[in-house]
N, C-alpha and C. Protein backbone atom coordinates (compact mmCIF):
# COMPACT_ATOMS: atom_id res chain seq x y z
N MET A 1 87.71 118.10 87.83
CA MET A 1 87.38 119.35 87.20
C MET A 1 85.87 119.49 87.05
N ARG A 2 85.20 118.43 86.71
CA ARG A 2 83.76 118.50 86.52
C ARG A 2 83.07 118.91 87.82
N HIS A 3 83.57 118.40 88.94
CA HIS A 3 82.97 118.73 90.24
C HIS A 3 83.06 120.24 90.51
N ILE A 4 84.21 120.82 90.26
CA ILE A 4 84.39 122.26 90.48
C ILE A 4 83.49 123.04 89.54
N TYR A 5 83.43 122.63 88.29
CA TYR A 5 82.57 123.30 87.31
C TYR A 5 81.12 123.28 87.77
N ASN A 6 80.66 122.14 88.23
CA ASN A 6 79.28 122.04 88.71
C ASN A 6 79.07 122.94 89.93
N SER A 7 80.07 123.08 90.77
CA SER A 7 79.96 123.97 91.93
C SER A 7 79.80 125.41 91.47
N CYS A 8 80.46 125.78 90.38
CA CYS A 8 80.33 127.14 89.85
C CYS A 8 78.91 127.40 89.39
N ILE A 9 78.31 126.45 88.72
CA ILE A 9 76.92 126.60 88.27
C ILE A 9 76.00 126.71 89.48
N ALA A 10 76.24 125.89 90.50
CA ALA A 10 75.40 125.91 91.69
C ALA A 10 75.46 127.28 92.37
N LEU A 11 76.65 127.88 92.43
CA LEU A 11 76.79 129.21 93.03
C LEU A 11 75.94 130.23 92.28
N GLU A 12 75.97 130.14 90.97
CA GLU A 12 75.22 131.09 90.14
C GLU A 12 73.72 130.94 90.36
N LEU A 13 73.26 129.72 90.50
CA LEU A 13 71.83 129.48 90.70
C LEU A 13 71.37 129.91 92.09
N GLN A 14 72.21 129.68 93.10
CA GLN A 14 71.81 129.98 94.47
C GLN A 14 71.95 131.45 94.82
N PHE A 15 72.95 132.10 94.29
CA PHE A 15 73.23 133.49 94.64
C PHE A 15 73.46 134.32 93.38
N PRO A 16 72.41 134.57 92.59
CA PRO A 16 72.60 135.22 91.29
C PRO A 16 73.28 136.58 91.37
N ASP A 17 73.03 137.37 92.42
CA ASP A 17 73.61 138.71 92.50
C ASP A 17 75.09 138.68 92.85
N ALA A 18 75.45 137.83 93.80
CA ALA A 18 76.84 137.79 94.27
C ALA A 18 77.66 136.71 93.58
N ALA A 19 77.01 135.94 92.74
CA ALA A 19 77.66 134.75 92.19
C ALA A 19 78.77 135.04 91.21
N ALA A 20 78.68 136.11 90.45
CA ALA A 20 79.65 136.35 89.39
C ALA A 20 81.08 136.38 89.92
N GLN A 21 81.33 137.18 90.96
CA GLN A 21 82.68 137.27 91.49
C GLN A 21 83.08 135.96 92.16
N GLU A 22 82.18 135.38 92.95
CA GLU A 22 82.50 134.13 93.64
C GLU A 22 82.73 133.01 92.64
N LYS A 23 81.91 132.97 91.60
CA LYS A 23 82.07 131.95 90.57
C LYS A 23 83.44 132.08 89.91
N GLU A 24 83.84 133.29 89.62
CA GLU A 24 85.14 133.52 89.00
C GLU A 24 86.27 133.05 89.92
N GLU A 25 86.15 133.34 91.22
CA GLU A 25 87.18 132.92 92.17
C GLU A 25 87.24 131.41 92.30
N VAL A 26 86.08 130.76 92.42
CA VAL A 26 86.06 129.30 92.57
C VAL A 26 86.55 128.62 91.30
N CYS A 27 86.08 129.08 90.15
CA CYS A 27 86.47 128.47 88.89
C CYS A 27 87.94 128.69 88.57
N ALA A 28 88.52 129.78 89.05
CA ALA A 28 89.94 130.03 88.84
C ALA A 28 90.78 128.97 89.54
N LEU A 29 90.24 128.38 90.60
CA LEU A 29 90.96 127.34 91.34
C LEU A 29 90.91 125.99 90.64
N ALA A 30 89.99 125.81 89.71
CA ALA A 30 89.74 124.50 89.12
C ALA A 30 91.00 123.85 88.56
N GLY A 31 91.88 124.59 87.96
CA GLY A 31 93.08 124.00 87.39
C GLY A 31 94.36 124.44 88.07
N CYS A 32 94.25 124.97 89.26
CA CYS A 32 95.41 125.57 89.91
C CYS A 32 96.51 124.56 90.25
N LEU A 33 96.20 123.28 90.27
CA LEU A 33 97.21 122.26 90.58
C LEU A 33 97.54 121.39 89.37
N GLU A 34 97.24 121.88 88.17
CA GLU A 34 97.35 121.03 86.99
C GLU A 34 98.76 120.52 86.70
N HIS A 35 99.79 121.12 87.24
CA HIS A 35 101.15 120.65 87.00
C HIS A 35 101.73 119.90 88.20
N VAL A 36 100.88 119.57 89.16
CA VAL A 36 101.32 118.87 90.37
C VAL A 36 101.02 117.38 90.23
N LYS A 37 102.03 116.55 90.53
CA LYS A 37 101.85 115.09 90.48
C LYS A 37 101.80 114.57 91.91
N VAL A 38 100.71 113.85 92.21
CA VAL A 38 100.48 113.32 93.55
C VAL A 38 100.51 111.81 93.50
N LEU A 39 101.24 111.20 94.42
CA LEU A 39 101.27 109.75 94.55
C LEU A 39 100.51 109.40 95.82
N ASP A 40 99.42 108.68 95.65
CA ASP A 40 98.48 108.40 96.75
C ASP A 40 98.59 106.94 97.19
N PHE A 41 99.35 106.70 98.26
CA PHE A 41 99.47 105.36 98.84
C PHE A 41 98.38 105.11 99.89
N SER A 42 97.53 106.09 100.14
CA SER A 42 96.58 106.01 101.25
C SER A 42 95.43 105.06 100.97
N ARG A 43 94.72 104.73 102.04
CA ARG A 43 93.60 103.81 101.92
C ARG A 43 92.48 104.22 102.86
N VAL A 44 91.33 103.66 102.67
CA VAL A 44 90.10 103.87 103.44
C VAL A 44 89.57 105.28 103.16
N PHE A 45 89.49 106.18 104.15
CA PHE A 45 88.78 107.44 103.90
C PHE A 45 89.64 108.70 103.88
N ALA A 46 90.32 109.03 104.96
CA ALA A 46 90.96 110.34 105.08
C ALA A 46 91.97 110.64 103.98
N GLY A 47 92.92 109.75 103.77
CA GLY A 47 93.94 109.97 102.75
C GLY A 47 93.37 110.04 101.34
N PRO A 48 92.55 109.05 100.94
CA PRO A 48 91.97 109.11 99.60
C PRO A 48 91.13 110.37 99.37
N TRP A 49 90.44 110.81 100.40
CA TRP A 49 89.62 112.02 100.26
C TRP A 49 90.50 113.24 100.04
N ALA A 50 91.60 113.33 100.79
CA ALA A 50 92.53 114.45 100.62
C ALA A 50 93.10 114.45 99.20
N ALA A 51 93.51 113.29 98.72
CA ALA A 51 94.06 113.19 97.36
C ALA A 51 93.00 113.50 96.31
N GLN A 52 91.76 113.10 96.56
CA GLN A 52 90.68 113.38 95.62
C GLN A 52 90.45 114.88 95.50
N MET A 53 90.56 115.62 96.61
CA MET A 53 90.40 117.07 96.54
C MET A 53 91.51 117.69 95.69
N LEU A 54 92.72 117.16 95.80
CA LEU A 54 93.81 117.67 94.96
C LEU A 54 93.52 117.39 93.49
N ALA A 55 92.96 116.21 93.20
CA ALA A 55 92.56 115.89 91.82
C ALA A 55 91.49 116.84 91.33
N ASP A 56 90.54 117.19 92.20
CA ASP A 56 89.48 118.13 91.83
C ASP A 56 90.06 119.48 91.40
N PHE A 57 91.20 119.85 91.97
CA PHE A 57 91.84 121.11 91.63
C PHE A 57 92.87 120.97 90.52
N GLY A 58 92.85 119.82 89.84
CA GLY A 58 93.66 119.65 88.64
C GLY A 58 94.93 118.83 88.79
N ALA A 59 95.29 118.41 89.99
CA ALA A 59 96.50 117.61 90.16
C ALA A 59 96.35 116.26 89.46
N GLU A 60 97.46 115.74 88.98
CA GLU A 60 97.49 114.40 88.41
C GLU A 60 97.76 113.44 89.58
N VAL A 61 96.75 112.71 90.00
CA VAL A 61 96.85 111.83 91.16
C VAL A 61 96.90 110.38 90.71
N THR A 62 97.91 109.66 91.19
CA THR A 62 98.01 108.22 90.93
C THR A 62 97.81 107.48 92.24
N LYS A 63 96.75 106.70 92.31
CA LYS A 63 96.46 105.91 93.50
C LYS A 63 97.19 104.58 93.38
N VAL A 64 97.93 104.22 94.43
CA VAL A 64 98.64 102.95 94.48
C VAL A 64 97.88 102.02 95.41
N GLU A 65 97.46 100.88 94.86
CA GLU A 65 96.74 99.88 95.66
C GLU A 65 97.52 98.58 95.65
N HIS A 66 97.24 97.74 96.65
CA HIS A 66 97.85 96.42 96.72
C HIS A 66 97.22 95.54 95.65
N VAL A 67 98.02 94.65 95.09
CA VAL A 67 97.53 93.78 94.02
C VAL A 67 96.46 92.81 94.49
N ARG A 68 96.45 92.49 95.77
CA ARG A 68 95.45 91.55 96.30
C ARG A 68 94.34 92.32 97.01
N GLY A 69 93.34 92.72 96.27
CA GLY A 69 92.17 93.33 96.88
C GLY A 69 92.07 94.83 96.82
N GLY A 70 93.17 95.53 96.67
CA GLY A 70 93.12 96.98 96.59
C GLY A 70 92.70 97.64 97.89
N ASP A 71 92.19 98.84 97.78
CA ASP A 71 91.74 99.64 98.92
C ASP A 71 90.57 98.94 99.62
N ASP A 72 90.58 98.93 100.94
CA ASP A 72 89.51 98.29 101.71
C ASP A 72 88.13 98.84 101.37
N VAL A 73 88.05 100.11 101.00
CA VAL A 73 86.77 100.75 100.73
C VAL A 73 86.09 100.15 99.50
N ARG A 74 86.85 99.48 98.65
CA ARG A 74 86.23 98.79 97.51
C ARG A 74 85.16 97.80 97.98
N ARG A 75 85.35 97.27 99.20
CA ARG A 75 84.44 96.24 99.72
C ARG A 75 83.52 96.75 100.83
N MET A 76 83.56 98.02 101.14
CA MET A 76 82.72 98.57 102.21
C MET A 76 81.44 99.13 101.61
N GLY A 77 80.35 98.43 101.78
CA GLY A 77 79.08 98.88 101.23
C GLY A 77 78.64 98.01 100.07
N VAL A 78 77.62 98.47 99.39
CA VAL A 78 77.04 97.73 98.28
C VAL A 78 77.80 98.04 97.00
N SER A 79 78.16 97.00 96.27
CA SER A 79 78.88 97.17 95.01
C SER A 79 77.96 97.69 93.92
N HIS A 80 78.53 98.53 93.05
CA HIS A 80 77.80 98.95 91.85
C HIS A 80 77.64 97.74 90.94
N LEU A 81 76.65 97.77 90.08
CA LEU A 81 76.42 96.70 89.12
C LEU A 81 76.77 97.18 87.72
N ASP A 82 77.30 96.27 86.90
CA ASP A 82 77.57 96.63 85.51
C ASP A 82 76.30 96.50 84.68
N ALA A 83 76.41 96.69 83.38
CA ALA A 83 75.24 96.66 82.49
C ALA A 83 74.54 95.31 82.49
N GLN A 84 75.26 94.25 82.84
CA GLN A 84 74.67 92.91 82.89
C GLN A 84 74.15 92.57 84.29
N GLY A 85 74.21 93.52 85.21
CA GLY A 85 73.72 93.30 86.56
C GLY A 85 74.70 92.60 87.48
N GLN A 86 75.96 92.52 87.07
CA GLN A 86 76.99 91.86 87.88
C GLN A 86 77.74 92.89 88.73
N PRO A 87 78.11 92.53 89.97
CA PRO A 87 78.86 93.46 90.83
C PRO A 87 80.19 93.87 90.19
N THR A 88 80.51 95.14 90.29
CA THR A 88 81.76 95.65 89.72
C THR A 88 82.92 95.56 90.70
N GLY A 89 82.62 95.39 91.98
CA GLY A 89 83.67 95.39 92.99
C GLY A 89 84.04 96.78 93.45
N GLU A 90 83.29 97.79 93.03
CA GLU A 90 83.55 99.16 93.44
C GLU A 90 82.30 99.74 94.09
N THR A 91 82.46 100.28 95.28
CA THR A 91 81.34 100.88 95.99
C THR A 91 81.26 102.37 95.71
N CYS A 92 80.15 102.96 96.06
CA CYS A 92 79.96 104.40 95.88
C CYS A 92 81.04 105.17 96.64
N SER A 93 81.35 104.73 97.86
CA SER A 93 82.39 105.41 98.65
C SER A 93 83.73 105.38 97.94
N PHE A 94 84.09 104.22 97.41
CA PHE A 94 85.37 104.11 96.70
C PHE A 94 85.40 105.03 95.49
N LEU A 95 84.34 104.99 94.70
CA LEU A 95 84.29 105.82 93.49
C LEU A 95 84.32 107.30 93.82
N ALA A 96 83.60 107.71 94.87
CA ALA A 96 83.55 109.13 95.24
C ALA A 96 84.92 109.64 95.68
N MET A 97 85.67 108.83 96.43
CA MET A 97 86.95 109.29 96.96
C MET A 97 88.12 109.07 96.01
N ASN A 98 87.85 108.45 94.89
CA ASN A 98 88.94 108.17 93.96
C ASN A 98 88.65 108.66 92.55
N ARG A 99 87.67 109.54 92.42
CA ARG A 99 87.36 110.08 91.10
C ARG A 99 88.53 110.95 90.63
N GLY A 100 88.73 110.95 89.34
CA GLY A 100 89.78 111.79 88.77
C GLY A 100 91.19 111.29 89.00
N LYS A 101 91.35 110.06 89.49
CA LYS A 101 92.68 109.53 89.76
C LYS A 101 93.04 108.44 88.76
N LYS A 102 94.34 108.34 88.51
CA LYS A 102 94.87 107.17 87.81
C LYS A 102 95.04 106.10 88.88
N SER A 103 95.23 104.86 88.47
CA SER A 103 95.35 103.79 89.46
C SER A 103 96.38 102.77 89.01
N VAL A 104 97.13 102.26 89.97
CA VAL A 104 98.10 101.20 89.69
C VAL A 104 98.10 100.25 90.89
N ALA A 105 98.22 98.96 90.61
CA ALA A 105 98.30 97.95 91.67
C ALA A 105 99.74 97.46 91.75
N ILE A 106 100.31 97.55 92.95
CA ILE A 106 101.72 97.19 93.16
C ILE A 106 101.82 96.32 94.41
N ASP A 107 102.65 95.30 94.35
CA ASP A 107 102.94 94.48 95.53
C ASP A 107 104.22 95.03 96.15
N LEU A 108 104.08 95.85 97.18
CA LEU A 108 105.24 96.46 97.82
C LEU A 108 106.09 95.45 98.58
N GLY A 109 105.56 94.26 98.79
CA GLY A 109 106.32 93.21 99.47
C GLY A 109 107.36 92.55 98.59
N LYS A 110 107.34 92.85 97.31
CA LYS A 110 108.30 92.27 96.37
C LYS A 110 109.27 93.34 95.89
N PRO A 111 110.53 92.97 95.67
CA PRO A 111 111.52 93.95 95.21
C PRO A 111 111.10 94.67 93.92
N GLU A 112 110.44 93.93 93.01
CA GLU A 112 110.00 94.56 91.76
C GLU A 112 108.97 95.65 92.04
N GLY A 113 108.06 95.38 92.97
CA GLY A 113 107.05 96.37 93.34
C GLY A 113 107.67 97.59 93.99
N GLN A 114 108.66 97.36 94.84
CA GLN A 114 109.35 98.47 95.50
C GLN A 114 110.08 99.33 94.48
N GLU A 115 110.64 98.70 93.46
CA GLU A 115 111.34 99.45 92.42
C GLU A 115 110.36 100.29 91.60
N ILE A 116 109.20 99.73 91.31
CA ILE A 116 108.16 100.50 90.60
C ILE A 116 107.74 101.70 91.44
N ALA A 117 107.55 101.47 92.74
CA ALA A 117 107.15 102.56 93.65
C ALA A 117 108.22 103.64 93.69
N ARG A 118 109.49 103.25 93.72
CA ARG A 118 110.57 104.24 93.71
C ARG A 118 110.54 105.09 92.44
N GLY A 119 110.24 104.46 91.32
CA GLY A 119 110.12 105.20 90.06
C GLY A 119 108.99 106.22 90.11
N LEU A 120 107.87 105.83 90.71
CA LEU A 120 106.74 106.76 90.85
C LEU A 120 107.08 107.90 91.81
N ILE A 121 107.77 107.57 92.90
CA ILE A 121 108.18 108.59 93.87
C ILE A 121 109.11 109.60 93.20
N ALA A 122 109.99 109.13 92.34
CA ALA A 122 110.94 110.02 91.66
C ALA A 122 110.23 111.07 90.82
N GLN A 123 109.03 110.77 90.34
CA GLN A 123 108.30 111.69 89.47
C GLN A 123 107.27 112.53 90.23
N ALA A 124 107.01 112.23 91.50
CA ALA A 124 105.93 112.87 92.25
C ALA A 124 106.38 114.17 92.92
N ASP A 125 105.42 115.09 93.05
CA ASP A 125 105.63 116.31 93.82
C ASP A 125 105.12 116.14 95.24
N VAL A 126 104.11 115.27 95.40
CA VAL A 126 103.45 115.06 96.69
C VAL A 126 103.27 113.56 96.89
N LEU A 127 103.51 113.09 98.11
CA LEU A 127 103.25 111.70 98.46
C LEU A 127 102.31 111.69 99.65
N ILE A 128 101.19 110.98 99.50
CA ILE A 128 100.22 110.86 100.59
C ILE A 128 100.17 109.41 101.02
N GLU A 129 100.28 109.16 102.32
CA GLU A 129 100.14 107.81 102.84
C GLU A 129 99.56 107.90 104.25
N ASN A 130 98.86 106.87 104.65
CA ASN A 130 98.29 106.86 106.00
C ASN A 130 98.41 105.48 106.65
N PHE A 131 99.53 104.82 106.39
CA PHE A 131 99.80 103.53 107.02
C PHE A 131 100.24 103.75 108.47
N LYS A 132 100.22 102.69 109.25
CA LYS A 132 100.74 102.83 110.61
C LYS A 132 102.25 103.06 110.53
N THR A 133 102.78 103.71 111.55
CA THR A 133 104.19 104.07 111.59
C THR A 133 105.08 102.87 111.30
N GLY A 134 106.01 103.05 110.39
CA GLY A 134 106.98 102.01 110.07
C GLY A 134 106.62 101.13 108.89
N THR A 135 105.39 101.21 108.42
CA THR A 135 104.98 100.32 107.31
C THR A 135 105.79 100.59 106.06
N LEU A 136 105.87 101.83 105.62
CA LEU A 136 106.63 102.12 104.40
C LEU A 136 108.13 101.93 104.60
N ALA A 137 108.61 102.10 105.82
CA ALA A 137 110.04 101.92 106.09
C ALA A 137 110.47 100.48 105.81
N LYS A 138 109.62 99.53 106.14
CA LYS A 138 110.01 98.13 105.91
C LYS A 138 110.09 97.79 104.42
N PHE A 139 109.53 98.65 103.57
CA PHE A 139 109.63 98.47 102.12
C PHE A 139 110.69 99.39 101.51
N GLY A 140 111.37 100.16 102.37
CA GLY A 140 112.37 101.10 101.88
C GLY A 140 111.76 102.33 101.22
N LEU A 141 110.56 102.72 101.68
CA LEU A 141 109.83 103.81 101.03
C LEU A 141 109.36 104.88 102.00
N ASP A 142 109.94 104.95 103.20
CA ASP A 142 109.50 105.95 104.17
C ASP A 142 109.99 107.35 103.75
N PHE A 143 109.65 108.35 104.55
CA PHE A 143 109.95 109.74 104.19
C PHE A 143 111.43 109.97 103.94
N GLU A 144 112.28 109.46 104.82
CA GLU A 144 113.73 109.68 104.66
C GLU A 144 114.23 109.06 103.36
N GLN A 145 113.75 107.87 103.05
CA GLN A 145 114.19 107.22 101.81
C GLN A 145 113.56 107.89 100.58
N ALA A 146 112.32 108.34 100.71
CA ALA A 146 111.66 109.05 99.61
C ALA A 146 112.39 110.35 99.30
N LYS A 147 112.89 111.03 100.35
CA LYS A 147 113.65 112.28 100.15
C LYS A 147 114.93 112.02 99.35
N GLN A 148 115.54 110.85 99.56
CA GLN A 148 116.75 110.52 98.81
C GLN A 148 116.42 110.26 97.34
N ILE A 149 115.26 109.67 97.09
CA ILE A 149 114.82 109.39 95.72
C ILE A 149 114.42 110.68 95.02
N ASN A 150 113.71 111.54 95.74
CA ASN A 150 113.16 112.77 95.15
C ASN A 150 113.25 113.89 96.19
N PRO A 151 114.40 114.59 96.21
CA PRO A 151 114.59 115.65 97.21
C PRO A 151 113.60 116.78 97.02
């Protein structure tokens, strides 16, 4: 939401004469997805970025990461440092593509993890994933099985 709000201010500063109507149109979109629940199984760039845009428009996005290491982008680039100067394990790319999201770490290779994922799928309106073909099927979580959980 903050990103959209800042875009509205930028429009007003750049185009003062035409900005009022455009600002109203852009800002009206800020919460247009506020009742949509998105489950984001994606990793690296394309999928997380798509889910992040939905979060920017107000969707409740839950990012699902593997318990061992999480999203690969956490390790791509220079890590941010905490107040004590220690690496946080999160890069600028990871933070930019995952802002506004909730996060959960699940081991889909274990039955307990698959059951947790099924519970999340049951509550979701949108599921985003970008694994190679067949990956979610081996965990019982592909599109056909997800449709049975949440038609």
